[in-house]
């Protein structure tokens, strides 16, 4: 499992040729998963889109693309009909329950390395201690233009409807690369 924020900035290399293609500048998300990575710099100089199926490995230091030819221009990506949002636009977006309770602000997404599917959402609760909590992703979570809406029971731990999950500190979750 990787945090989307930890993928940003990683070098992207073609597994086929060993050429540096650039570095990840953002992730495109839609329907509960990362659908592509935005790649900037490198041989291509301008931003390009690497569809997630063309990602071979999300490594600790490097992202391996199956080939460099899988990268497409942003205009081609838009023409394909893909409707995706940049993950960077989600950061700071309010997270509320279906009952109207504000839980905090969207901080990060944790994704499955192979599929790009969201496994967890990290929510910053704010306040003086600025704690973070993780919510298990589900098909009931809605990521809208103005807020992230989660089911009312999103904070409940399995088998214990009266207990919220313990907040996690940044240092304990950053080692998941």
N, C-alpha and C. Protein backbone atom coordinates (compact mmCIF):
# COMPACT_ATOMS: atom_id res chain seq x y z
N UNK A 1 0.86 -1.17 0.00
CA UNK A 1 0.00 0.00 0.00
C UNK A 1 0.90 1.24 0.00
N UNK A 2 0.55 2.21 -0.80
CA UNK A 2 1.30 3.47 -0.90
C UNK A 2 0.39 4.65 -0.64
N UNK A 3 0.95 5.69 -0.06
CA UNK A 3 0.26 6.97 0.04
C UNK A 3 0.44 7.67 -1.30
N UNK A 4 -0.60 8.29 -1.79
CA UNK A 4 -0.48 9.04 -3.04
C UNK A 4 0.56 10.15 -2.88
N UNK A 5 0.58 10.81 -1.73
CA UNK A 5 1.54 11.90 -1.53
C UNK A 5 2.99 11.42 -1.59
N UNK A 6 3.23 10.15 -1.30
CA UNK A 6 4.59 9.63 -1.35
C UNK A 6 4.99 9.18 -2.75
N UNK A 7 4.04 9.04 -3.63
CA UNK A 7 4.34 8.70 -5.02
C UNK A 7 4.78 9.95 -5.77
N UNK A 8 4.16 11.08 -5.41
CA UNK A 8 4.49 12.35 -6.05
C UNK A 8 5.97 12.68 -5.78
N UNK A 9 6.67 13.03 -6.84
CA UNK A 9 8.09 13.36 -6.74
C UNK A 9 9.02 12.21 -7.11
N UNK A 10 8.48 10.99 -7.17
CA UNK A 10 9.33 9.85 -7.52
C UNK A 10 9.69 9.88 -9.01
N UNK A 11 10.88 9.42 -9.29
CA UNK A 11 11.35 9.30 -10.66
C UNK A 11 10.60 8.17 -11.35
N UNK A 12 10.26 8.38 -12.63
CA UNK A 12 9.60 7.35 -13.43
C UNK A 12 10.60 6.88 -14.49
N UNK A 13 10.80 5.55 -14.55
CA UNK A 13 11.76 4.95 -15.46
C UNK A 13 11.04 3.90 -16.30
N UNK A 14 11.39 3.82 -17.58
CA UNK A 14 10.86 2.78 -18.45
C UNK A 14 11.54 1.46 -18.11
N UNK A 15 10.76 0.43 -17.77
CA UNK A 15 11.33 -0.89 -17.48
C UNK A 15 11.90 -1.51 -18.74
N UNK A 16 11.39 -1.10 -19.89
CA UNK A 16 11.82 -1.66 -21.17
C UNK A 16 13.19 -1.13 -21.61
N UNK A 17 13.42 0.19 -21.42
CA UNK A 17 14.66 0.79 -21.94
C UNK A 17 15.60 1.32 -20.86
N UNK A 18 15.08 1.51 -19.65
CA UNK A 18 15.88 2.10 -18.59
C UNK A 18 15.96 3.61 -18.67
N UNK A 19 15.25 4.24 -19.61
CA UNK A 19 15.26 5.70 -19.75
C UNK A 19 14.41 6.34 -18.65
N UNK A 20 14.91 7.49 -18.17
CA UNK A 20 14.13 8.29 -17.22
C UNK A 20 13.06 9.02 -18.00
N UNK A 21 11.81 8.86 -17.61
CA UNK A 21 10.70 9.48 -18.32
C UNK A 21 10.27 10.79 -17.68
N UNK A 22 10.66 11.02 -16.45
CA UNK A 22 10.28 12.21 -15.72
C UNK A 22 10.06 11.87 -14.27
N UNK A 23 9.23 12.68 -13.62
CA UNK A 23 8.87 12.38 -12.23
C UNK A 23 7.38 12.60 -12.06
N UNK A 24 6.82 11.92 -11.08
CA UNK A 24 5.38 12.00 -10.82
C UNK A 24 5.08 13.38 -10.23
N UNK A 25 4.17 14.11 -10.88
CA UNK A 25 3.79 15.42 -10.36
C UNK A 25 2.39 15.39 -9.73
N UNK A 26 1.60 14.36 -10.03
CA UNK A 26 0.27 14.24 -9.44
C UNK A 26 -0.31 12.89 -9.82
N UNK A 27 -1.45 12.57 -9.25
CA UNK A 27 -2.19 11.36 -9.61
C UNK A 27 -3.59 11.78 -10.02
N UNK A 28 -4.14 11.09 -11.01
CA UNK A 28 -5.51 11.34 -11.46
C UNK A 28 -6.40 10.27 -10.87
N UNK A 29 -7.50 10.70 -10.27
CA UNK A 29 -8.38 9.75 -9.59
C UNK A 29 -9.79 9.81 -10.15
N UNK A 30 -10.44 8.66 -10.12
CA UNK A 30 -11.83 8.55 -10.55
C UNK A 30 -12.38 7.23 -10.05
N UNK A 31 -13.62 7.23 -9.66
CA UNK A 31 -14.32 6.00 -9.28
C UNK A 31 -13.56 5.19 -8.23
N UNK A 32 -13.00 5.86 -7.23
CA UNK A 32 -12.38 5.16 -6.11
C UNK A 32 -11.02 4.56 -6.38
N UNK A 33 -10.33 5.08 -7.40
CA UNK A 33 -9.00 4.54 -7.68
C UNK A 33 -8.17 5.56 -8.44
N UNK A 34 -6.86 5.32 -8.42
CA UNK A 34 -5.95 6.12 -9.24
C UNK A 34 -6.05 5.54 -10.65
N UNK A 35 -6.37 6.37 -11.63
CA UNK A 35 -6.51 5.91 -13.01
C UNK A 35 -5.29 6.24 -13.85
N UNK A 36 -4.47 7.19 -13.36
CA UNK A 36 -3.27 7.57 -14.11
C UNK A 36 -2.36 8.40 -13.21
N UNK A 37 -1.10 8.49 -13.63
CA UNK A 37 -0.14 9.37 -12.98
C UNK A 37 0.22 10.48 -13.95
N UNK A 38 0.36 11.69 -13.42
CA UNK A 38 0.80 12.82 -14.23
C UNK A 38 2.31 12.88 -14.09
N UNK A 39 2.99 12.87 -15.23
CA UNK A 39 4.45 12.83 -15.26
C UNK A 39 4.97 14.13 -15.86
N UNK A 40 5.91 14.77 -15.19
CA UNK A 40 6.51 16.00 -15.69
C UNK A 40 8.01 15.87 -15.83
N UNK A 41 8.60 16.71 -16.66
CA UNK A 41 10.05 16.72 -16.84
C UNK A 41 10.56 15.54 -17.63
N UNK A 42 11.82 15.23 -17.48
CA UNK A 42 12.43 14.10 -18.17
C UNK A 42 12.58 14.33 -19.66
N UNK A 43 12.60 13.24 -20.41
CA UNK A 43 12.77 13.32 -21.86
C UNK A 43 11.63 14.08 -22.53
N UNK A 44 10.47 14.09 -21.89
CA UNK A 44 9.29 14.66 -22.52
C UNK A 44 9.07 16.14 -22.19
N UNK A 45 9.78 16.66 -21.21
CA UNK A 45 9.75 18.06 -20.79
C UNK A 45 8.39 18.54 -20.29
N UNK A 46 7.34 18.38 -21.02
CA UNK A 46 6.01 18.82 -20.59
C UNK A 46 5.30 17.68 -19.86
N UNK A 47 4.19 18.01 -19.19
CA UNK A 47 3.44 16.97 -18.50
C UNK A 47 2.82 16.00 -19.50
N UNK A 48 2.84 14.74 -19.11
CA UNK A 48 2.19 13.66 -19.85
C UNK A 48 1.43 12.81 -18.86
N UNK A 49 0.60 11.94 -19.35
CA UNK A 49 -0.22 11.07 -18.51
C UNK A 49 0.22 9.62 -18.72
N UNK A 50 0.44 8.93 -17.62
CA UNK A 50 0.77 7.51 -17.65
C UNK A 50 -0.43 6.75 -17.07
N UNK A 51 -1.26 6.12 -17.92
CA UNK A 51 -2.40 5.37 -17.40
C UNK A 51 -1.93 4.31 -16.39
N UNK A 52 -2.68 4.13 -15.32
CA UNK A 52 -2.24 3.23 -14.25
C UNK A 52 -1.97 1.81 -14.73
N UNK A 53 -2.72 1.27 -15.70
CA UNK A 53 -2.39 -0.07 -16.19
C UNK A 53 -0.99 -0.16 -16.80
N UNK A 54 -0.41 0.98 -17.20
CA UNK A 54 0.94 0.99 -17.75
C UNK A 54 2.02 1.15 -16.69
N UNK A 55 1.61 1.22 -15.42
CA UNK A 55 2.57 1.26 -14.31
C UNK A 55 2.90 -0.19 -13.97
N UNK A 56 4.18 -0.51 -14.03
CA UNK A 56 4.61 -1.87 -13.70
C UNK A 56 4.82 -2.03 -12.20
N UNK A 57 5.51 -1.05 -11.58
CA UNK A 57 5.85 -1.15 -10.17
C UNK A 57 5.84 0.22 -9.52
N UNK A 58 5.22 0.30 -8.34
CA UNK A 58 5.36 1.48 -7.49
C UNK A 58 6.41 1.11 -6.46
N UNK A 59 7.65 1.44 -6.74
CA UNK A 59 8.73 1.07 -5.84
C UNK A 59 8.92 2.09 -4.74
N UNK A 60 9.81 1.76 -3.80
CA UNK A 60 10.11 2.66 -2.70
C UNK A 60 10.75 3.94 -3.16
N UNK A 61 11.56 3.88 -4.21
CA UNK A 61 12.26 5.06 -4.70
C UNK A 61 11.87 5.47 -6.12
N UNK A 62 11.39 4.52 -6.90
CA UNK A 62 11.15 4.74 -8.32
C UNK A 62 9.84 4.10 -8.75
N UNK A 63 9.19 4.73 -9.72
CA UNK A 63 8.02 4.14 -10.37
C UNK A 63 8.51 3.58 -11.70
N UNK A 64 8.25 2.31 -11.95
CA UNK A 64 8.61 1.70 -13.22
C UNK A 64 7.40 1.66 -14.13
N UNK A 65 7.55 2.27 -15.31
CA UNK A 65 6.52 2.19 -16.35
C UNK A 65 6.84 0.97 -17.20
N UNK A 66 5.82 0.28 -17.69
CA UNK A 66 6.09 -0.89 -18.54
C UNK A 66 6.95 -0.46 -19.74
N UNK A 67 6.55 0.61 -20.41
CA UNK A 67 7.31 1.19 -21.53
C UNK A 67 7.10 2.69 -21.52
N UNK A 68 7.95 3.40 -22.20
CA UNK A 68 7.75 4.84 -22.35
C UNK A 68 6.63 5.17 -23.31
N UNK A 69 6.30 4.23 -24.18
CA UNK A 69 5.26 4.48 -25.18
C UNK A 69 3.85 4.50 -24.59
N UNK A 70 3.71 4.08 -23.33
CA UNK A 70 2.41 4.12 -22.68
C UNK A 70 1.99 5.51 -22.26
N UNK A 71 2.93 6.45 -22.26
CA UNK A 71 2.63 7.81 -21.85
C UNK A 71 1.92 8.55 -22.98
N UNK A 72 0.92 9.33 -22.61
CA UNK A 72 0.16 10.08 -23.61
C UNK A 72 0.10 11.56 -23.24
N UNK A 73 -0.19 12.38 -24.23
CA UNK A 73 -0.32 13.81 -23.99
C UNK A 73 -1.63 14.10 -23.28
N UNK A 74 -1.67 15.16 -22.47
CA UNK A 74 -2.90 15.50 -21.75
C UNK A 74 -4.12 15.66 -22.66
N UNK A 75 -3.93 16.24 -23.83
CA UNK A 75 -5.05 16.41 -24.77
C UNK A 75 -5.62 15.08 -25.22
N UNK A 76 -4.75 14.11 -25.46
CA UNK A 76 -5.20 12.76 -25.84
C UNK A 76 -5.95 12.12 -24.68
N UNK A 77 -5.47 12.35 -23.47
CA UNK A 77 -6.13 11.80 -22.28
C UNK A 77 -7.56 12.35 -22.18
N UNK A 78 -7.70 13.66 -22.36
CA UNK A 78 -9.04 14.28 -22.28
C UNK A 78 -9.95 13.77 -23.39
N UNK A 79 -9.39 13.60 -24.60
CA UNK A 79 -10.19 13.09 -25.72
C UNK A 79 -10.67 11.67 -25.48
N UNK A 80 -9.96 10.92 -24.65
CA UNK A 80 -10.35 9.53 -24.38
C UNK A 80 -11.64 9.45 -23.56
N UNK A 81 -12.10 10.61 -23.05
CA UNK A 81 -13.33 10.63 -22.28
C UNK A 81 -13.13 10.36 -20.80
N UNK A 82 -11.90 10.18 -20.39
CA UNK A 82 -11.62 9.94 -18.97
C UNK A 82 -11.95 11.19 -18.18
N UNK A 83 -12.73 11.03 -17.13
CA UNK A 83 -13.11 12.15 -16.29
C UNK A 83 -12.46 11.92 -14.93
N UNK A 84 -11.29 12.50 -14.75
CA UNK A 84 -10.55 12.28 -13.52
C UNK A 84 -10.12 13.61 -12.92
N UNK A 85 -9.95 13.60 -11.61
CA UNK A 85 -9.52 14.80 -10.90
C UNK A 85 -8.10 14.59 -10.38
N UNK A 86 -7.37 15.68 -10.26
CA UNK A 86 -6.03 15.59 -9.67
C UNK A 86 -6.16 15.35 -8.17
N UNK A 87 -5.35 14.43 -7.67
CA UNK A 87 -5.40 14.11 -6.24
C UNK A 87 -4.99 15.31 -5.39
N UNK A 88 -4.11 16.15 -5.91
CA UNK A 88 -3.68 17.32 -5.15
C UNK A 88 -4.84 18.26 -4.85
N UNK A 89 -5.88 18.23 -5.68
CA UNK A 89 -7.05 19.09 -5.45
C UNK A 89 -7.90 18.61 -4.29
N UNK A 90 -7.70 17.36 -3.85
CA UNK A 90 -8.49 16.82 -2.74
C UNK A 90 -7.97 17.24 -1.37
N UNK A 91 -6.70 17.50 -1.30
CA UNK A 91 -6.09 17.82 -0.02
C UNK A 91 -6.75 19.05 0.59
N UNK A 92 -7.18 18.92 1.84
CA UNK A 92 -7.83 20.03 2.54
C UNK A 92 -9.34 20.07 2.36
N UNK A 93 -9.88 19.21 1.51
CA UNK A 93 -11.32 19.18 1.27
C UNK A 93 -12.02 18.64 2.53
N UNK A 94 -13.13 19.24 2.96
CA UNK A 94 -13.82 18.76 4.16
C UNK A 94 -14.31 17.31 4.00
N UNK A 95 -14.21 16.55 5.09
CA UNK A 95 -14.73 15.19 5.14
C UNK A 95 -15.89 15.19 6.13
N UNK A 96 -17.07 14.82 5.65
CA UNK A 96 -18.28 14.82 6.47
C UNK A 96 -18.97 13.47 6.37
N UNK A 97 -19.73 13.13 7.40
CA UNK A 97 -20.50 11.89 7.38
C UNK A 97 -21.87 12.17 6.75
N UNK A 98 -22.56 11.10 6.41
CA UNK A 98 -23.91 11.24 5.85
C UNK A 98 -24.88 11.83 6.87
N UNK A 99 -24.48 11.85 8.16
CA UNK A 99 -25.30 12.46 9.20
C UNK A 99 -24.95 13.94 9.38
N UNK A 100 -23.98 14.43 8.60
CA UNK A 100 -23.62 15.84 8.67
C UNK A 100 -22.52 16.18 9.67
N UNK A 101 -21.87 15.18 10.26
CA UNK A 101 -20.79 15.43 11.20
C UNK A 101 -19.49 15.67 10.43
N UNK A 102 -18.80 16.78 10.72
CA UNK A 102 -17.53 17.08 10.07
C UNK A 102 -16.43 16.33 10.81
N UNK A 103 -15.70 15.50 10.09
CA UNK A 103 -14.63 14.70 10.70
C UNK A 103 -13.28 15.39 10.62
N UNK A 104 -13.10 16.22 9.63
CA UNK A 104 -11.82 16.90 9.43
C UNK A 104 -11.64 17.22 7.97
N UNK A 105 -10.37 17.20 7.52
CA UNK A 105 -10.05 17.50 6.14
C UNK A 105 -9.29 16.35 5.51
N UNK A 106 -9.54 16.14 4.23
CA UNK A 106 -8.83 15.11 3.48
C UNK A 106 -7.35 15.41 3.50
N UNK A 107 -6.55 14.42 3.86
CA UNK A 107 -5.11 14.61 3.91
C UNK A 107 -4.39 13.79 2.86
N UNK A 108 -4.80 12.53 2.69
CA UNK A 108 -4.09 11.66 1.76
C UNK A 108 -4.96 10.45 1.44
N UNK A 109 -4.55 9.73 0.39
CA UNK A 109 -5.18 8.47 0.01
C UNK A 109 -4.13 7.38 0.06
N UNK A 110 -4.51 6.22 0.55
CA UNK A 110 -3.63 5.06 0.53
C UNK A 110 -4.20 4.09 -0.48
N UNK A 111 -3.37 3.67 -1.43
CA UNK A 111 -3.86 2.86 -2.54
C UNK A 111 -3.18 1.50 -2.60
N UNK A 112 -3.86 0.56 -3.23
CA UNK A 112 -3.30 -0.74 -3.52
C UNK A 112 -2.25 -0.57 -4.62
N UNK A 113 -1.07 -1.12 -4.42
CA UNK A 113 0.03 -0.94 -5.38
C UNK A 113 -0.26 -1.52 -6.76
N UNK A 114 -1.02 -2.59 -6.82
CA UNK A 114 -1.26 -3.27 -8.09
C UNK A 114 -2.43 -2.68 -8.87
N UNK A 115 -3.49 -2.29 -8.16
CA UNK A 115 -4.72 -1.87 -8.83
C UNK A 115 -4.97 -0.37 -8.79
N UNK A 116 -4.35 0.33 -7.84
CA UNK A 116 -4.61 1.75 -7.67
C UNK A 116 -5.88 2.05 -6.90
N UNK A 117 -6.58 1.02 -6.45
CA UNK A 117 -7.85 1.19 -5.72
C UNK A 117 -7.56 1.77 -4.34
N UNK A 118 -8.41 2.71 -3.91
CA UNK A 118 -8.26 3.31 -2.59
C UNK A 118 -8.50 2.24 -1.54
N UNK A 119 -7.57 2.10 -0.62
CA UNK A 119 -7.73 1.19 0.52
C UNK A 119 -8.20 1.98 1.75
N UNK A 120 -7.60 3.15 1.93
CA UNK A 120 -7.93 3.98 3.08
C UNK A 120 -7.85 5.46 2.70
N UNK A 121 -8.59 6.27 3.43
CA UNK A 121 -8.50 7.72 3.33
C UNK A 121 -7.89 8.21 4.63
N UNK A 122 -6.97 9.13 4.55
CA UNK A 122 -6.41 9.72 5.76
C UNK A 122 -7.03 11.09 5.95
N UNK A 123 -7.57 11.31 7.14
CA UNK A 123 -8.27 12.55 7.45
C UNK A 123 -7.51 13.26 8.56
N UNK A 124 -7.20 14.54 8.35
CA UNK A 124 -6.58 15.37 9.39
C UNK A 124 -7.70 15.97 10.22
N UNK A 125 -7.65 15.73 11.52
CA UNK A 125 -8.72 16.20 12.39
C UNK A 125 -8.53 17.62 12.85
N UNK A 126 -7.33 18.19 12.61
CA UNK A 126 -7.08 19.58 12.97
C UNK A 126 -6.82 19.74 14.45
N UNK A 127 -6.99 20.94 14.93
CA UNK A 127 -6.73 21.23 16.34
C UNK A 127 -5.24 21.42 16.61
N UNK A 128 -4.91 21.57 17.85
CA UNK A 128 -3.52 21.83 18.22
C UNK A 128 -2.60 20.64 17.93
N UNK A 129 -3.12 19.44 18.08
CA UNK A 129 -2.29 18.26 17.88
C UNK A 129 -2.33 17.76 16.44
N UNK A 130 -3.24 18.28 15.63
CA UNK A 130 -3.40 17.92 14.23
C UNK A 130 -3.26 16.42 14.01
N UNK A 131 -4.13 15.68 14.63
CA UNK A 131 -4.12 14.23 14.51
C UNK A 131 -4.63 13.79 13.14
N UNK A 132 -4.27 12.57 12.79
CA UNK A 132 -4.74 11.96 11.55
C UNK A 132 -5.44 10.66 11.88
N UNK A 133 -6.54 10.39 11.19
CA UNK A 133 -7.22 9.11 11.34
C UNK A 133 -7.38 8.50 9.96
N UNK A 134 -7.43 7.20 9.93
CA UNK A 134 -7.64 6.51 8.66
C UNK A 134 -9.04 5.93 8.62
N UNK A 135 -9.66 6.09 7.46
CA UNK A 135 -10.99 5.52 7.23
C UNK A 135 -10.85 4.48 6.13
N UNK A 136 -11.40 3.31 6.36
CA UNK A 136 -11.38 2.29 5.31
C UNK A 136 -12.22 2.77 4.14
N UNK A 137 -11.69 2.65 2.97
CA UNK A 137 -12.43 3.06 1.77
C UNK A 137 -13.56 2.09 1.50
N UNK A 138 -14.62 2.60 0.94
CA UNK A 138 -15.75 1.75 0.55
C UNK A 138 -16.44 2.39 -0.64
N UNK A 139 -17.32 1.62 -1.25
CA UNK A 139 -18.04 2.14 -2.42
C UNK A 139 -19.04 3.22 -2.02
N UNK A 140 -19.28 3.38 -0.72
CA UNK A 140 -20.23 4.38 -0.26
C UNK A 140 -19.60 5.76 -0.08
N UNK A 141 -18.29 5.86 -0.20
CA UNK A 141 -17.63 7.15 -0.05
C UNK A 141 -17.78 7.93 -1.36
N UNK A 142 -18.16 9.19 -1.24
CA UNK A 142 -18.34 10.04 -2.40
C UNK A 142 -17.35 11.19 -2.33
N UNK A 143 -16.55 11.33 -3.37
CA UNK A 143 -15.59 12.42 -3.44
C UNK A 143 -16.16 13.43 -4.42
N UNK A 144 -16.65 14.53 -3.88
CA UNK A 144 -17.26 15.55 -4.71
C UNK A 144 -16.37 16.76 -4.88
N UNK A 145 -16.86 17.73 -5.61
CA UNK A 145 -16.09 18.94 -5.89
C UNK A 145 -15.85 19.77 -4.64
N UNK A 146 -16.74 19.65 -3.65
CA UNK A 146 -16.64 20.50 -2.46
C UNK A 146 -16.41 19.75 -1.17
N UNK A 147 -16.66 18.44 -1.15
CA UNK A 147 -16.50 17.68 0.10
C UNK A 147 -16.37 16.19 -0.20
N UNK A 148 -15.86 15.48 0.79
CA UNK A 148 -15.82 14.01 0.75
C UNK A 148 -16.87 13.55 1.75
N UNK A 149 -17.82 12.74 1.28
CA UNK A 149 -18.91 12.28 2.14
C UNK A 149 -18.70 10.79 2.41
N UNK A 150 -18.66 10.45 3.72
CA UNK A 150 -18.43 9.07 4.13
C UNK A 150 -19.65 8.56 4.89
N UNK A 151 -19.87 7.25 4.92
CA UNK A 151 -21.01 6.72 5.66
C UNK A 151 -20.92 7.09 7.14
N UNK A 152 -22.07 7.18 7.78
CA UNK A 152 -22.12 7.57 9.19
C UNK A 152 -21.26 6.66 10.06
N UNK A 153 -21.21 5.38 9.78
CA UNK A 153 -20.45 4.43 10.60
C UNK A 153 -19.01 4.27 10.18
N UNK A 154 -18.47 5.18 9.39
CA UNK A 154 -17.11 5.03 8.86
C UNK A 154 -16.05 4.98 9.96
N UNK A 155 -16.36 5.56 11.12
CA UNK A 155 -15.38 5.57 12.20
C UNK A 155 -15.46 4.35 13.11
N UNK A 156 -16.47 3.53 12.93
CA UNK A 156 -16.62 2.37 13.81
C UNK A 156 -15.62 1.28 13.46
N UNK A 157 -15.07 0.65 14.50
CA UNK A 157 -14.19 -0.48 14.28
C UNK A 157 -15.05 -1.73 14.16
N UNK A 158 -14.59 -2.73 13.42
CA UNK A 158 -15.37 -3.96 13.29
C UNK A 158 -15.67 -4.56 14.64
N UNK A 159 -16.93 -4.89 14.86
CA UNK A 159 -17.34 -5.55 16.10
C UNK A 159 -17.47 -4.61 17.28
N UNK A 160 -17.26 -3.32 17.13
CA UNK A 160 -17.36 -2.40 18.24
C UNK A 160 -17.93 -1.08 17.75
N UNK A 161 -19.23 -0.94 17.83
CA UNK A 161 -19.89 0.23 17.28
C UNK A 161 -19.72 1.47 18.15
N UNK A 162 -19.15 1.33 19.37
CA UNK A 162 -18.99 2.48 20.25
C UNK A 162 -17.59 3.06 20.25
N UNK A 163 -16.67 2.48 19.51
CA UNK A 163 -15.28 2.91 19.57
C UNK A 163 -14.79 3.39 18.22
N UNK A 164 -14.21 4.56 18.18
CA UNK A 164 -13.61 5.08 16.95
C UNK A 164 -12.18 4.57 16.85
N UNK A 165 -11.65 4.43 15.64
CA UNK A 165 -10.28 3.98 15.51
C UNK A 165 -9.31 5.00 16.10
N UNK A 166 -8.22 4.50 16.60
CA UNK A 166 -7.22 5.39 17.19
C UNK A 166 -6.60 6.26 16.11
N UNK A 167 -6.41 7.53 16.40
CA UNK A 167 -5.73 8.38 15.44
C UNK A 167 -4.31 7.88 15.22
N UNK A 168 -3.76 8.15 14.07
CA UNK A 168 -2.40 7.72 13.76
C UNK A 168 -1.53 8.94 13.58
N UNK A 169 -0.30 8.85 14.01
CA UNK A 169 0.62 9.98 13.84
C UNK A 169 1.25 9.88 12.48
N UNK A 170 1.77 10.98 11.96
CA UNK A 170 2.42 11.00 10.65
C UNK A 170 3.59 10.03 10.63
N UNK A 171 4.37 9.98 11.69
CA UNK A 171 5.57 9.13 11.66
C UNK A 171 5.22 7.66 11.61
N UNK A 172 4.14 7.23 12.21
CA UNK A 172 3.81 5.81 12.20
C UNK A 172 3.21 5.37 10.87
N UNK A 173 2.74 6.32 10.06
CA UNK A 173 2.14 5.92 8.79
C UNK A 173 3.05 6.19 7.60
N UNK A 174 4.11 6.94 7.78
CA UNK A 174 4.98 7.28 6.67
C UNK A 174 5.88 6.15 6.23
N UNK A 175 5.97 5.09 7.01
CA UNK A 175 6.88 4.01 6.65
C UNK A 175 6.25 3.00 5.70
N UNK A 176 5.04 3.26 5.21
CA UNK A 176 4.33 2.30 4.38
C UNK A 176 4.71 2.33 2.91
N UNK A 177 5.92 2.74 2.56
CA UNK A 177 6.30 2.76 1.15
C UNK A 177 6.74 1.44 0.77
